[in-house]
Amino acid sequence: MPRVKRGTQRTKKRSKLLKEVKGFKWGRKNITRLAKTASTKAGARAYVGRKQKKRDARRLWQIKINAAVRNYGMSYSRFIDALNKANMEIDRKILSDLAVNNKRIFKSIVDTVKK
């Protein structure tokens, strides 16, 4: 079997890895063994972070809606329940945007739901 040295492939692989971990602290930015584990852990945490970002956004929307609805004498849970009973399919993202930017439209939604 012929001998394979893999000089350029190894260099490419290492340089790609070190490019990925550029900006990390201590030896994790320039020692290959440490950089490899740092890169895999960073990828795993980034995956989890993308899921948490969605959770945090929904939580923020709920807080904004609750704050806006309290001005009209309702709680968040009662407002959402009334929306569902009135068959109004408006998601929380849009509702929170209306509560912050278009208070007049949001008030009309709250008034229709109260009836």
C-alpha atoms as a PDB file:
ATOM      1  CA  MET A   1       0.000   0.000   0.000  1.00  0.00           C
ATOM      2  CA  PRO A   2       1.401   3.428  -0.895  1.00  0.00           C
ATOM      3  CA  ARG A   3       2.319   5.922   1.815  1.00  0.00           C
ATOM      4  CA  VAL A   4       0.057   8.962   2.287  1.00  0.00           C
ATOM      5  CA  LYS A   5       1.534  11.995   4.037  1.00  0.00           C
ATOM      6  CA  ARG A   6      -1.508  14.336   4.152  1.00  0.00           C
ATOM      7  CA  GLY A   7       0.531  17.493   4.644  1.00  0.00           C
ATOM      8  CA  THR A   8      -1.748  20.021   2.968  1.00  0.00           C
ATOM      9  CA  GLN A   9      -4.993  18.394   4.135  1.00  0.00           C
ATOM     10  CA  ARG A  10      -3.904  18.487   7.755  1.00  0.00           C
ATOM     11  CA  THR A  11      -2.826  22.106   7.431  1.00  0.00           C
ATOM     12  CA  LYS A  12      -6.129  23.068   5.791  1.00  0.00           C
ATOM     13  CA  LYS A  13      -8.111  21.302   8.487  1.00  0.00           C
ATOM     14  CA  ARG A  14      -6.139  22.928  11.308  1.00  0.00           C
ATOM     15  CA  SER A  15      -6.272  26.404   9.778  1.00  0.00           C
ATOM     16  CA  LYS A  16     -10.050  26.076   9.274  1.00  0.00           C
ATOM     17  CA  LEU A  17     -10.442  25.062  12.914  1.00  0.00           C
ATOM     18  CA  LEU A  18      -8.257  27.903  14.183  1.00  0.00           C
ATOM     19  CA  LYS A  19     -10.190  30.358  12.032  1.00  0.00           C
ATOM     20  CA  GLU A  20     -13.399  29.127  13.715  1.00  0.00           C
ATOM     21  CA  VAL A  21     -12.053  29.709  17.239  1.00  0.00           C
ATOM     22  CA  LYS A  22     -10.448  33.064  16.544  1.00  0.00           C
ATOM     23  CA  GLY A  23     -11.162  35.419  19.419  1.00  0.00           C
ATOM     24  CA  PHE A  24     -11.497  32.704  22.058  1.00  0.00           C
ATOM     25  CA  LYS A  25      -9.528  33.148  25.293  1.00  0.00           C
ATOM     26  CA  TRP A  26      -6.265  31.522  26.354  1.00  0.00           C
ATOM     27  CA  GLY A  27      -5.039  28.362  24.614  1.00  0.00           C
ATOM     28  CA  ARG A  28      -8.416  27.625  23.095  1.00  0.00           C
ATOM     29  CA  LYS A  29      -7.570  29.998  20.246  1.00  0.00           C
ATOM     30  CA  ASN A  30      -4.236  28.516  19.159  1.00  0.00           C
ATOM     31  CA  ILE A  31      -3.745  25.002  20.591  1.00  0.00           C
ATOM     32  CA  THR A  32      -5.372  22.512  18.249  1.00  0.00           C
ATOM     33  CA  ARG A  33      -6.469  20.009  20.889  1.00  0.00           C
ATOM     34  CA  LEU A  34      -8.120  22.675  23.015  1.00  0.00           C
ATOM     35  CA  ALA A  35      -9.520  24.490  19.985  1.00  0.00           C
ATOM     36  CA  LYS A  36     -11.303  21.349  18.781  1.00  0.00           C
ATOM     37  CA  THR A  37     -13.249  20.871  22.030  1.00  0.00           C
ATOM     38  CA  ALA A  38     -13.927  24.608  22.291  1.00  0.00           C
ATOM     39  CA  SER A  39     -15.354  24.631  18.774  1.00  0.00           C
ATOM     40  CA  THR A  40     -17.684  21.669  19.346  1.00  0.00           C
ATOM     41  CA  LYS A  41     -18.932  23.090  22.657  1.00  0.00           C
ATOM     42  CA  ALA A  42     -19.452  26.505  21.071  1.00  0.00           C
ATOM     43  CA  GLY A  43     -21.511  24.890  18.324  1.00  0.00           C
ATOM     44  CA  ALA A  44     -23.656  23.033  20.851  1.00  0.00           C
ATOM     45  CA  ARG A  45     -24.230  26.175  22.900  1.00  0.00           C
ATOM     46  CA  ALA A  46     -25.071  28.162  19.776  1.00  0.00           C
ATOM     47  CA  TYR A  47     -27.720  25.563  18.895  1.00  0.00           C
ATOM     48  CA  VAL A  48     -29.276  25.845  22.349  1.00  0.00           C
ATOM     49  CA  GLY A  49     -29.029  29.638  22.179  1.00  0.00           C
ATOM     50  CA  ARG A  50     -31.041  29.768  18.969  1.00  0.00           C
ATOM     51  CA  LYS A  51     -33.879  27.947  20.735  1.00  0.00           C
ATOM     52  CA  GLN A  52     -33.650  30.193  23.822  1.00  0.00           C
ATOM     53  CA  LYS A  53     -33.783  33.277  21.613  1.00  0.00           C
ATOM     54  CA  LYS A  54     -37.254  32.265  20.434  1.00  0.00           C
ATOM     55  CA  ARG A  55     -38.406  31.618  24.009  1.00  0.00           C
ATOM     56  CA  ASP A  56     -37.120  34.969  25.179  1.00  0.00           C
ATOM     57  CA  ALA A  57     -38.843  36.780  22.310  1.00  0.00           C
ATOM     58  CA  ARG A  58     -42.198  35.170  23.134  1.00  0.00           C
ATOM     59  CA  ARG A  59     -41.736  36.016  26.822  1.00  0.00           C
ATOM     60  CA  LEU A  60     -41.058  39.645  25.928  1.00  0.00           C
ATOM     61  CA  TRP A  61     -44.154  39.796  23.706  1.00  0.00           C
ATOM     62  CA  GLN A  62     -46.256  38.482  26.590  1.00  0.00           C
ATOM     63  CA  ILE A  63     -44.869  41.113  28.957  1.00  0.00           C
ATOM     64  CA  LYS A  64     -45.612  43.914  26.480  1.00  0.00           C
ATOM     65  CA  ILE A  65     -49.174  42.691  25.870  1.00  0.00           C
ATOM     66  CA  ASN A  66     -49.802  42.316  29.605  1.00  0.00           C
ATOM     67  CA  ALA A  67     -48.577  45.845  30.294  1.00  0.00           C
ATOM     68  CA  ALA A  68     -50.788  47.280  27.537  1.00  0.00           C
ATOM     69  CA  VAL A  69     -53.896  45.298  28.509  1.00  0.00           C
ATOM     70  CA  ARG A  70     -53.601  46.294  32.183  1.00  0.00           C
ATOM     71  CA  ASN A  71     -54.324  49.893  31.124  1.00  0.00           C
ATOM     72  CA  TYR A  72     -57.772  48.717  29.968  1.00  0.00           C
ATOM     73  CA  GLY A  73     -58.548  46.771  33.160  1.00  0.00           C
ATOM     74  CA  MET A  74     -57.788  43.248  31.970  1.00  0.00           C
ATOM     75  CA  SER A  75     -55.120  40.689  32.709  1.00  0.00           C
ATOM     76  CA  TYR A  76     -53.038  38.967  30.043  1.00  0.00           C
ATOM     77  CA  SER A  77     -54.588  35.542  30.557  1.00  0.00           C
ATOM     78  CA  ARG A  78     -58.156  36.871  30.425  1.00  0.00           C
ATOM     79  CA  PHE A  79     -57.314  38.854  27.282  1.00  0.00           C
ATOM     80  CA  ILE A  80     -55.850  35.825  25.480  1.00  0.00           C
ATOM     81  CA  ASP A  81     -58.818  33.697  26.560  1.00  0.00           C
ATOM     82  CA  ALA A  82     -61.244  36.321  25.251  1.00  0.00           C
ATOM     83  CA  LEU A  83     -59.296  36.513  21.969  1.00  0.00           C
ATOM     84  CA  ASN A  84     -59.638  32.760  21.511  1.00  0.00           C
ATOM     85  CA  LYS A  85     -63.352  32.826  22.325  1.00  0.00           C
ATOM     86  CA  ALA A  86     -63.873  35.655  19.817  1.00  0.00           C
ATOM     87  CA  ASN A  87     -62.048  33.574  17.154  1.00  0.00           C
ATOM     88  CA  MET A  88     -59.535  36.352  16.547  1.00  0.00           C
ATOM     89  CA  GLU A  89     -56.342  34.729  15.322  1.00  0.00           C
ATOM     90  CA  ILE A  90     -53.704  37.366  15.967  1.00  0.00           C
ATOM     91  CA  ASP A  91     -50.365  36.111  17.205  1.00  0.00           C
ATOM     92  CA  ARG A  92     -48.507  37.546  20.159  1.00  0.00           C
ATOM     93  CA  LYS A  93     -45.780  39.128  18.050  1.00  0.00           C
ATOM     94  CA  ILE A  94     -48.283  41.272  16.143  1.00  0.00           C
ATOM     95  CA  LEU A  95     -50.254  42.082  19.293  1.00  0.00           C
ATOM     96  CA  SER A  96     -47.158  43.295  21.125  1.00  0.00           C
ATOM     97  CA  ASP A  97     -46.151  45.417  18.135  1.00  0.00           C
ATOM     98  CA  LEU A  98     -49.628  46.961  18.032  1.00  0.00           C
ATOM     99  CA  ALA A  99     -49.536  47.560  21.787  1.00  0.00           C
ATOM    100  CA  VAL A 100     -46.300  49.519  21.475  1.00  0.00           C
ATOM    101  CA  ASN A 101     -46.685  51.308  18.128  1.00  0.00           C
ATOM    102  CA  ASN A 102     -50.427  51.534  17.304  1.00  0.00           C
ATOM    103  CA  LYS A 103     -52.259  52.052  20.568  1.00  0.00           C
ATOM    104  CA  ARG A 104     -55.485  53.090  18.831  1.00  0.00           C
ATOM    105  CA  ILE A 105     -55.769  49.831  16.891  1.00  0.00           C
ATOM    106  CA  PHE A 106     -54.836  47.824  19.991  1.00  0.00           C
ATOM    107  CA  LYS A 107     -57.578  49.604  21.964  1.00  0.00           C
ATOM    108  CA  SER A 108     -60.119  48.686  19.302  1.00  0.00           C
ATOM    109  CA  ILE A 109     -59.048  45.036  19.542  1.00  0.00           C
ATOM    110  CA  VAL A 110     -59.405  45.132  23.335  1.00  0.00           C
ATOM    111  CA  ASP A 111     -62.858  46.753  23.033  1.00  0.00           C
ATOM    112  CA  THR A 112     -64.112  44.130  20.573  1.00  0.00           C
ATOM    113  CA  VAL A 113     -62.786  41.349  22.788  1.00  0.00           C
ATOM    114  CA  LYS A 114     -64.423  42.792  25.922  1.00  0.00           C
ATOM    115  CA  LYS A 115     -67.868  42.523  24.290  1.00  0.00           C
END
